[in-house]
Amino acid sequence: MTRSPATPLPPPEERRRLRESRSLTQDQLARRVGVSRETVRAWESGRTAPRGRKGEAYAKLLTTTTAAATTTTTATNPEPTEPFTPARSLTPTEPAKSAEPSGSSESFKSSESSGSSGSSGSPRRSTEPPARSAARRAVREPPARSSLKETVDPASLTPAQAFDALYAFCAPALVRQAYLLSGRRDLARESVERAFQLAWERWPEVARDRDPAGWVRAAAYEWALAPWHRFRPRCRHPEPPPSQPVDRALLDALLRLPPPHRRTLVLYDGVGLDLPETAAETEASTSATASRLLHAHETLAARLPELSDPLVLHRRLAELASAEHLRSAEPPEVRDGSERRARLRTRAVIAFTVALIGATALTLHTAPTRYDPPVPPGETVQGVPPRVAPGPLSGEERELRAKLREELLHGPERLAPQSR
């Protein structure tokens, strides 16, 4: 009989972050504890719980990581300081109030932190540069609000309440991300609403998904980047650009990128996914995703040289997304729209089926009940002499013909009886 480790074990959402804070891969952690990489993956995803001596070693390793990080932070900064933000690190001479605007980076990434924590079961390798990894750890949110599971308890909610909680948690950030992809405010709101309407139609599937926020995000991105929007009447005219010149320049540079490169850039530098997760979400290989990302970075750096720094790029994306006051609909409106669309679709299918049945019945009623063979083509009759053409006319016949033609021109004469 196994027993739980005496050392308190952090929740599954924290285990992956603690491992990454020490720059350890799953293989390295598995070798230190003495288990396989699949076991570490299961521990981080929450599918299994660490037990026995190996679980005790795993808990001590994570606790030691947390204590070492706390001691290092206390020794380096003896006075309490505010959380690190990219704006403060890049512009240390600015005052505290000129840092990142309220709700820019946090609201931009609020719905994506649950997606990154939900995909902790996938194997990852630390292939990123140290500067890029440090920038990613710097812009991640605190673990207290990094998971939707810590906000609500899915087991105690009805389907409508769970959907409303997911919508309230993800919709504001998804609208801003869709605006970066499309450059249109109305299309951004419509993309998020259609994605959540599709999620409500397939709610049993979405509710059992490992990453519901990622499921909705992929659907919203697909709708926002659909190429047929250019044929819609309201999308033929450009919308008013952002008020700030720097925001206009960044949005113009983003919209000039190809849609796959734009989506990869937003997921990697805006949302904060790593390269394998970005490749999985864009349904591309890791090498193709890296090539798209490098091309997007080169294009942006050529137009805006200050965006060559990943921290600056992330901050500018967050500022551009939060500069527009994009409001999303209420969750009941989205659910009602999804149900109304499902009813209309059902009624259309029923009407088409009834019309098809009526046309089939009319065809059966008016169809002939017996077979009438077609008329065979005519055949050549043998033994009949050919038709003889008239011969040449004599002089009297020609005179008579001329007389008849002259009389026909003047019309018939009245016949009068003559007495004899």
Protein backbone atom coordinates (compact mmCIF):
# COMPACT_ATOMS: atom_id res chain seq x y z
CA MET A 1 0.00 0.00 0.00
CA THR A 2 1.41 3.35 -1.07
CA ARG A 3 1.16 6.55 0.89
CA SER A 4 1.03 10.17 -0.18
CA PRO A 5 4.25 12.19 0.11
CA ALA A 6 4.72 14.11 3.32
CA THR A 7 5.91 17.18 1.43
CA PRO A 8 2.94 19.23 0.19
CA LEU A 9 2.54 18.79 -3.53
CA PRO A 10 1.48 21.80 -5.66
CA PRO A 11 -1.57 21.48 -7.93
CA PRO A 12 -1.12 20.12 -11.47
CA GLU A 13 -1.34 23.62 -12.97
CA GLU A 14 1.72 24.71 -10.95
CA ARG A 15 3.95 21.69 -11.52
CA ARG A 16 4.78 22.53 -15.10
CA ARG A 17 5.50 26.18 -14.29
CA LEU A 18 7.80 25.21 -11.41
CA ARG A 19 9.70 22.82 -13.64
CA GLU A 20 10.14 25.47 -16.32
CA SER A 21 11.26 28.05 -13.76
CA ARG A 22 14.31 25.85 -13.13
CA SER A 23 14.91 25.38 -16.89
CA LEU A 24 14.31 21.64 -16.68
CA THR A 25 12.82 19.53 -19.44
CA GLN A 26 10.57 16.58 -18.79
CA ASP A 27 13.41 14.19 -19.66
CA GLN A 28 15.79 15.84 -17.20
CA LEU A 29 13.21 15.83 -14.43
CA ALA A 30 12.34 12.21 -15.15
CA ARG A 31 16.00 11.18 -14.88
CA ARG A 32 16.38 13.00 -11.54
CA VAL A 33 13.29 11.40 -10.04
CA GLY A 34 13.89 8.01 -11.65
CA VAL A 35 10.73 7.69 -13.76
CA SER A 36 9.87 7.91 -17.44
CA ARG A 37 8.96 11.06 -19.31
CA GLU A 38 5.38 9.79 -19.80
CA THR A 39 5.01 9.56 -16.01
CA VAL A 40 6.14 13.17 -15.56
CA ARG A 41 3.75 14.21 -18.31
CA ALA A 42 0.88 12.44 -16.55
CA TRP A 43 1.80 14.09 -13.23
CA GLU A 44 1.83 17.56 -14.79
CA SER A 45 -1.47 17.04 -16.60
CA GLY A 46 -3.17 15.74 -13.45
CA ARG A 47 -4.10 12.34 -14.90
CA THR A 48 -2.18 10.54 -12.14
CA ALA A 49 -0.93 11.58 -8.69
CA PRO A 50 2.68 11.06 -7.55
CA ARG A 51 2.92 8.40 -4.83
CA GLY A 52 5.58 6.53 -2.91
CA ARG A 53 9.24 7.42 -2.68
CA LYS A 54 9.37 8.75 -6.22
CA GLY A 55 6.41 10.98 -5.52
CA GLU A 56 8.18 12.21 -2.38
CA ALA A 57 11.31 12.98 -4.42
CA TYR A 58 9.22 14.75 -7.05
CA ALA A 59 7.47 16.87 -4.40
CA LYS A 60 10.77 17.75 -2.70
CA LEU A 61 12.29 18.76 -6.04
CA LEU A 62 9.40 21.11 -6.83
CA THR A 63 9.37 22.49 -3.27
CA THR A 64 13.12 23.04 -3.40
CA THR A 65 12.64 24.86 -6.70
CA THR A 66 10.02 27.13 -5.15
CA ALA A 67 12.08 27.80 -2.03
CA ALA A 68 15.24 28.50 -4.05
CA ALA A 69 13.39 30.91 -6.30
CA THR A 70 11.88 32.70 -3.27
CA THR A 71 15.26 32.93 -1.52
CA THR A 72 16.95 34.26 -4.63
CA THR A 73 14.27 36.87 -5.13
CA THR A 74 14.46 37.97 -1.49
CA ALA A 75 18.26 38.19 -1.53
CA THR A 76 18.30 40.13 -4.78
CA ASN A 77 15.40 42.47 -3.95
CA PRO A 78 15.16 42.85 -0.16
CA GLU A 79 12.41 45.43 -0.51
CA PRO A 80 9.00 44.47 -1.94
CA THR A 81 8.71 45.35 -5.59
CA GLU A 82 5.93 45.20 -8.13
CA PRO A 83 5.68 42.36 -10.67
CA PHE A 84 7.92 42.68 -13.69
CA THR A 85 6.38 44.23 -16.79
CA PRO A 86 7.98 44.54 -20.21
CA ALA A 87 7.39 48.30 -20.36
CA ARG A 88 9.33 48.93 -17.14
CA SER A 89 12.23 46.71 -18.15
CA LEU A 90 12.66 48.38 -21.51
CA THR A 91 12.22 51.97 -20.39
CA PRO A 92 13.63 52.20 -16.85
CA THR A 93 13.70 55.99 -16.91
CA GLU A 94 9.93 56.28 -17.33
CA PRO A 95 7.77 56.88 -14.27
CA ALA A 96 5.74 54.09 -12.79
CA LYS A 97 2.46 55.37 -14.21
CA SER A 98 3.82 55.30 -17.77
CA ALA A 99 4.23 51.55 -17.74
CA GLU A 100 1.96 49.23 -19.62
CA PRO A 101 -1.67 50.45 -19.72
CA SER A 102 -4.15 48.81 -17.42
CA GLY A 103 -5.51 45.58 -18.80
CA SER A 104 -3.32 45.49 -21.91
CA SER A 105 -1.11 42.44 -21.48
CA GLU A 106 -3.22 40.77 -18.81
CA SER A 107 -6.48 41.06 -20.71
CA PHE A 108 -4.72 40.04 -23.93
CA LYS A 109 -3.47 36.81 -22.32
CA SER A 110 -6.23 36.00 -19.83
CA SER A 111 -7.91 33.41 -22.00
CA GLU A 112 -4.69 31.87 -23.25
CA SER A 113 -3.14 30.96 -19.92
CA SER A 114 -5.75 28.25 -19.48
CA GLY A 115 -4.88 26.91 -22.93
CA SER A 116 -1.20 26.68 -22.09
CA SER A 117 -1.89 24.99 -18.76
CA GLY A 118 -4.34 22.57 -20.36
CA SER A 119 -1.78 21.37 -22.86
CA SER A 120 0.80 20.47 -20.23
CA GLY A 121 0.48 16.80 -21.11
CA SER A 122 2.26 17.28 -24.44
CA PRO A 123 6.02 16.69 -24.55
CA ARG A 124 8.06 19.88 -24.82
CA ARG A 125 11.68 20.62 -25.44
CA SER A 126 13.39 23.83 -24.49
CA THR A 127 14.49 24.78 -28.03
CA GLU A 128 13.94 28.51 -27.57
CA PRO A 129 16.75 31.02 -27.06
CA PRO A 130 17.40 32.04 -23.42
CA ALA A 131 16.32 35.64 -24.09
CA ARG A 132 13.06 34.49 -25.64
CA SER A 133 12.35 32.10 -22.77
CA ALA A 134 13.08 34.81 -20.20
CA ALA A 135 10.79 37.20 -22.04
CA ARG A 136 8.03 34.60 -22.11
CA ARG A 137 8.35 33.90 -18.36
CA ALA A 138 8.37 37.63 -17.69
CA VAL A 139 5.08 38.32 -19.46
CA ARG A 140 3.17 35.31 -18.14
CA GLU A 141 0.41 36.01 -15.65
CA PRO A 142 0.56 35.08 -11.98
CA PRO A 143 -0.49 31.49 -11.33
CA ALA A 144 -3.44 32.63 -9.22
CA ARG A 145 -5.39 33.52 -12.35
CA SER A 146 -3.69 31.29 -14.89
CA SER A 147 -6.35 28.63 -15.04
CA LEU A 148 -10.06 28.64 -15.54
CA LYS A 149 -10.36 25.60 -13.28
CA GLU A 150 -9.18 27.66 -10.31
CA THR A 151 -11.86 30.29 -11.00
CA VAL A 152 -14.87 27.98 -11.13
CA ASP A 153 -15.59 24.37 -10.29
CA PRO A 154 -16.87 22.71 -13.49
CA ALA A 155 -18.41 19.82 -11.58
CA SER A 156 -20.90 22.08 -9.75
CA LEU A 157 -22.09 24.05 -12.82
CA THR A 158 -24.84 23.44 -15.33
CA PRO A 159 -23.92 23.45 -19.04
CA ALA A 160 -25.22 27.01 -19.45
CA GLN A 161 -23.29 28.25 -16.41
CA ALA A 162 -20.09 26.52 -17.55
CA PHE A 163 -20.48 28.07 -21.00
CA ASP A 164 -21.08 31.51 -19.51
CA ALA A 165 -17.97 31.14 -17.33
CA LEU A 166 -15.85 30.13 -20.32
CA TYR A 167 -17.23 33.02 -22.37
CA ALA A 168 -16.64 35.59 -19.64
CA PHE A 169 -13.09 34.29 -19.17
CA CYS A 170 -12.04 34.12 -22.85
CA ALA A 171 -14.20 36.47 -24.93
CA PRO A 172 -12.59 39.86 -24.07
CA ALA A 173 -9.09 38.69 -24.96
CA LEU A 174 -10.23 36.77 -28.04
CA VAL A 175 -11.94 39.87 -29.46
CA ARG A 176 -8.66 41.78 -29.20
CA GLN A 177 -6.71 38.96 -30.81
CA ALA A 178 -9.22 38.69 -33.66
CA TYR A 179 -8.85 42.43 -34.20
CA LEU A 180 -5.09 41.98 -34.64
CA LEU A 181 -5.76 39.25 -37.20
CA SER A 182 -8.47 40.96 -39.24
CA GLY A 183 -8.03 44.69 -38.57
CA ARG A 184 -11.83 45.08 -38.34
CA ARG A 185 -13.74 45.68 -35.15
CA ASP A 186 -17.08 44.26 -36.30
CA LEU A 187 -15.44 41.20 -37.81
CA ALA A 188 -13.50 40.59 -34.59
CA ARG A 189 -16.68 40.59 -32.50
CA GLU A 190 -18.48 38.46 -35.07
CA SER A 191 -15.65 35.92 -35.15
CA VAL A 192 -15.72 35.45 -31.39
CA GLU A 193 -19.51 35.20 -31.29
CA ARG A 194 -19.61 32.64 -34.11
CA ALA A 195 -16.86 30.61 -32.44
CA PHE A 196 -18.77 30.50 -29.16
CA GLN A 197 -22.02 29.73 -30.97
CA LEU A 198 -20.30 26.77 -32.60
CA ALA A 199 -18.93 25.78 -29.19
CA TRP A 200 -22.44 25.87 -27.68
CA GLU A 201 -23.76 23.71 -30.53
CA ARG A 202 -21.01 21.17 -29.80
CA TRP A 203 -20.85 21.78 -26.06
CA PRO A 204 -20.55 18.11 -25.00
CA GLU A 205 -17.45 17.84 -27.20
CA VAL A 206 -16.00 21.18 -26.08
CA ALA A 207 -16.69 20.52 -22.39
CA ARG A 208 -14.72 17.26 -22.52
CA ASP A 209 -11.87 18.84 -24.46
CA ARG A 210 -8.55 19.19 -22.63
CA ASP A 211 -8.29 22.84 -23.66
CA PRO A 212 -11.72 24.46 -24.23
CA ALA A 213 -10.18 27.92 -24.56
CA GLY A 214 -7.85 26.68 -27.30
CA TRP A 215 -10.79 25.04 -29.10
CA VAL A 216 -12.71 28.32 -29.18
CA ARG A 217 -9.59 30.29 -30.08
CA ALA A 218 -8.91 28.10 -33.11
CA ALA A 219 -12.51 28.50 -34.32
CA ALA A 220 -12.38 32.28 -33.87
CA TYR A 221 -9.09 32.54 -35.75
CA GLU A 222 -10.43 30.46 -38.63
CA TRP A 223 -13.49 32.71 -38.96
CA ALA A 224 -11.47 35.93 -38.69
CA LEU A 225 -9.00 34.83 -41.40
CA ALA A 226 -11.57 33.36 -43.80
CA PRO A 227 -10.80 34.65 -47.33
CA TRP A 228 -14.45 35.00 -48.42
CA HIS A 229 -15.00 38.00 -46.12
CA ARG A 230 -13.62 40.23 -48.87
CA PHE A 231 -16.76 39.55 -50.96
CA ARG A 232 -19.12 40.82 -48.26
CA PRO A 233 -20.52 44.32 -48.90
CA ARG A 234 -19.59 45.70 -45.49
CA CYS A 235 -16.00 44.41 -45.76
CA ARG A 236 -15.26 46.10 -49.08
CA HIS A 237 -14.62 49.49 -47.47
CA PRO A 238 -11.81 49.94 -44.91
CA GLU A 239 -12.63 50.82 -41.32
CA PRO A 240 -11.26 53.91 -39.57
CA PRO A 241 -7.66 53.22 -38.50
CA PRO A 242 -6.41 53.61 -34.90
CA SER A 243 -5.97 57.13 -33.67
CA GLN A 244 -2.27 56.84 -32.73
CA PRO A 245 0.29 56.87 -35.60
CA VAL A 246 2.37 54.09 -34.01
CA ASP A 247 -0.71 51.88 -33.73
CA ARG A 248 -1.63 52.57 -37.34
CA ALA A 249 1.87 51.66 -38.50
CA LEU A 250 1.87 48.40 -36.51
CA LEU A 251 -1.62 47.39 -37.69
CA ASP A 252 -0.71 48.15 -41.29
CA ALA A 253 2.44 46.04 -40.97
CA LEU A 254 0.44 43.17 -39.46
CA LEU A 255 -2.21 43.24 -42.18
CA ARG A 256 0.48 43.13 -44.88
CA LEU A 257 1.68 39.77 -43.59
CA PRO A 258 0.20 36.60 -45.12
CA PRO A 259 -2.62 35.18 -42.96
CA PRO A 260 -0.63 32.07 -41.82
CA HIS A 261 2.33 34.25 -40.80
CA ARG A 262 0.04 36.72 -39.04
CA ARG A 263 -1.66 33.95 -37.07
CA THR A 264 1.68 32.42 -36.09
CA LEU A 265 3.00 35.78 -34.93
CA VAL A 266 -0.06 36.53 -32.79
CA LEU A 267 0.02 33.09 -31.16
CA TYR A 268 3.76 33.11 -30.47
CA ASP A 269 4.52 36.73 -29.60
CA GLY A 270 1.09 37.93 -28.52
CA VAL A 271 -0.53 34.99 -26.76
CA GLY A 272 2.74 33.48 -25.55
CA LEU A 273 2.55 29.90 -26.85
CA ASP A 274 5.80 28.12 -27.48
CA LEU A 275 6.85 26.84 -30.90
CA PRO A 276 5.41 23.27 -30.66
CA GLU A 277 2.08 24.55 -29.33
CA THR A 278 1.91 27.18 -32.07
CA ALA A 279 2.66 24.54 -34.69
CA ALA A 280 -0.05 22.27 -33.30
CA GLU A 281 -2.65 25.04 -33.28
CA THR A 282 -1.85 26.19 -36.81
CA GLU A 283 -1.78 22.56 -38.03
CA ALA A 284 1.72 22.89 -39.43
CA SER A 285 5.07 21.29 -38.77
CA THR A 286 7.50 22.83 -36.32
CA SER A 287 9.97 23.72 -39.06
CA ALA A 288 7.25 25.38 -41.17
CA THR A 289 6.04 27.33 -38.14
CA ALA A 290 9.58 28.49 -37.36
CA SER A 291 10.03 29.60 -40.96
CA ARG A 292 6.77 31.57 -40.87
CA LEU A 293 7.76 33.17 -37.59
CA LEU A 294 11.19 34.20 -38.86
CA HIS A 295 9.68 35.66 -42.02
CA ALA A 296 7.12 37.63 -40.00
CA HIS A 297 9.82 38.96 -37.65
CA GLU A 298 11.99 40.00 -40.58
CA THR A 299 9.10 41.78 -42.29
CA LEU A 300 8.09 43.64 -39.14
CA ALA A 301 11.70 44.55 -38.33
CA ALA A 302 12.17 45.90 -41.85
CA ARG A 303 9.11 48.17 -41.48
CA LEU A 304 9.47 48.94 -37.78
CA PRO A 305 13.05 48.35 -36.57
CA GLU A 306 12.15 48.79 -32.89
CA LEU A 307 10.05 45.59 -33.02
CA SER A 308 13.11 43.37 -33.36
CA ASP A 309 13.09 42.94 -29.56
CA PRO A 310 10.51 40.28 -28.48
CA LEU A 311 9.61 42.23 -25.33
CA VAL A 312 8.89 45.36 -27.35
CA LEU A 313 6.86 43.37 -29.86
CA HIS A 314 4.77 41.78 -27.13
CA ARG A 315 4.17 45.13 -25.43
CA ARG A 316 3.21 46.83 -28.68
CA LEU A 317 0.82 44.04 -29.62
CA ALA A 318 -0.81 44.29 -26.19
CA GLU A 319 -1.09 48.07 -26.45
CA LEU A 320 -2.59 47.90 -29.95
CA ALA A 321 -5.10 45.25 -28.86
CA SER A 322 -6.15 47.20 -25.77
CA ALA A 323 -6.25 50.62 -27.46
CA GLU A 324 -9.55 49.82 -29.21
CA HIS A 325 -12.61 49.63 -26.99
CA LEU A 326 -13.97 46.33 -28.28
CA ARG A 327 -17.03 45.07 -26.48
CA SER A 328 -18.40 41.57 -26.76
CA ALA A 329 -21.99 40.45 -26.46
CA GLU A 330 -23.45 38.94 -23.31
CA PRO A 331 -23.31 35.14 -22.89
CA PRO A 332 -27.13 34.68 -23.00
CA GLU A 333 -27.25 36.53 -26.32
CA VAL A 334 -24.60 34.24 -27.77
CA ARG A 335 -26.40 31.12 -26.56
CA ASP A 336 -29.74 32.41 -27.89
CA GLY A 337 -28.13 33.20 -31.24
CA SER A 338 -26.69 29.71 -31.44
CA GLU A 339 -30.03 28.10 -30.60
CA ARG A 340 -31.84 30.38 -33.05
CA ARG A 341 -29.41 29.47 -35.80
CA ALA A 342 -29.85 25.78 -35.02
CA ARG A 343 -33.65 26.14 -35.19
CA LEU A 344 -33.45 27.94 -38.55
CA ARG A 345 -31.13 25.29 -39.90
CA THR A 346 -33.44 22.53 -38.69
CA ARG A 347 -36.48 24.20 -40.24
CA ALA A 348 -34.66 24.66 -43.53
CA VAL A 349 -33.72 20.98 -43.59
CA ILE A 350 -37.32 19.99 -42.80
CA ALA A 351 -38.69 22.29 -45.53
CA PHE A 352 -36.24 20.89 -48.08
CA THR A 353 -37.15 17.34 -47.10
CA VAL A 354 -40.88 18.09 -47.43
CA ALA A 355 -40.33 19.71 -50.84
CA LEU A 356 -38.31 16.71 -52.00
CA ILE A 357 -41.01 14.31 -50.81
CA GLY A 358 -43.73 16.39 -52.55
CA ALA A 359 -41.80 16.48 -55.83
CA THR A 360 -41.29 12.72 -55.65
CA ALA A 361 -45.00 12.12 -54.97
CA LEU A 362 -46.04 14.39 -57.87
CA THR A 363 -43.67 12.59 -60.21
CA LEU A 364 -45.06 9.21 -59.20
CA HIS A 365 -48.63 10.48 -59.64
CA THR A 366 -48.13 11.95 -63.12
CA ALA A 367 -45.88 9.23 -64.47
CA PRO A 368 -47.46 6.93 -67.16
CA THR A 369 -48.67 3.55 -65.99
CA ARG A 370 -48.13 1.70 -69.29
CA TYR A 371 -45.39 1.54 -71.82
CA ASP A 372 -45.91 3.20 -75.20
CA PRO A 373 -43.27 2.10 -77.69
CA PRO A 374 -41.84 4.95 -79.74
CA VAL A 375 -42.81 5.39 -83.40
CA PRO A 376 -40.19 3.69 -85.55
CA PRO A 377 -38.44 5.79 -88.19
CA GLY A 378 -39.70 5.64 -91.77
CA GLU A 379 -38.37 3.08 -94.22
CA THR A 380 -37.69 3.41 -97.96
CA VAL A 381 -40.40 1.74 -100.11
CA GLN A 382 -38.99 -0.21 -103.02
CA GLY A 383 -40.61 -0.45 -106.55
CA VAL A 384 -42.25 3.00 -106.75
CA PRO A 385 -41.33 4.94 -109.93
CA PRO A 386 -39.75 8.28 -109.36
CA ARG A 387 -41.83 11.41 -109.65
CA VAL A 388 -41.68 12.85 -113.18
CA ALA A 389 -41.07 16.57 -113.52
CA PRO A 390 -43.30 18.57 -115.91
CA GLY A 391 -41.98 18.99 -119.45
CA PRO A 392 -41.51 22.21 -121.41
CA LEU A 393 -44.59 24.38 -122.04
CA SER A 394 -45.96 25.02 -125.51
CA GLY A 395 -46.67 28.47 -126.90
CA GLU A 396 -50.37 28.36 -126.04
CA GLU A 397 -49.65 27.27 -122.52
CA ARG A 398 -47.24 30.08 -122.05
CA GLU A 399 -49.80 32.63 -123.31
CA LEU A 400 -52.40 31.22 -120.96
CA ARG A 401 -50.04 31.43 -118.05
CA ALA A 402 -49.22 35.06 -118.79
CA LYS A 403 -52.93 35.88 -119.09
CA LEU A 404 -53.69 34.25 -115.78
CA ARG A 405 -50.89 36.12 -114.07
CA GLU A 406 -52.13 39.46 -115.42
CA GLU A 407 -55.67 38.80 -114.28
CA LEU A 408 -54.54 37.80 -110.82
CA LEU A 409 -52.79 41.11 -110.44
CA HIS A 410 -56.02 43.12 -110.94
CA GLY A 411 -58.18 40.84 -108.86
CA PRO A 412 -61.19 38.73 -109.85
CA GLU A 413 -63.85 40.32 -112.11
CA ARG A 414 -67.52 40.38 -111.26
CA LEU A 415 -69.46 37.74 -113.13
CA ALA A 416 -72.60 39.01 -114.81
CA PRO A 417 -75.23 36.70 -116.37
CA GLN A 418 -75.75 37.18 -120.08
CA SER A 419 -79.04 36.49 -121.89
CA ARG A 420 -79.07 34.65 -125.11
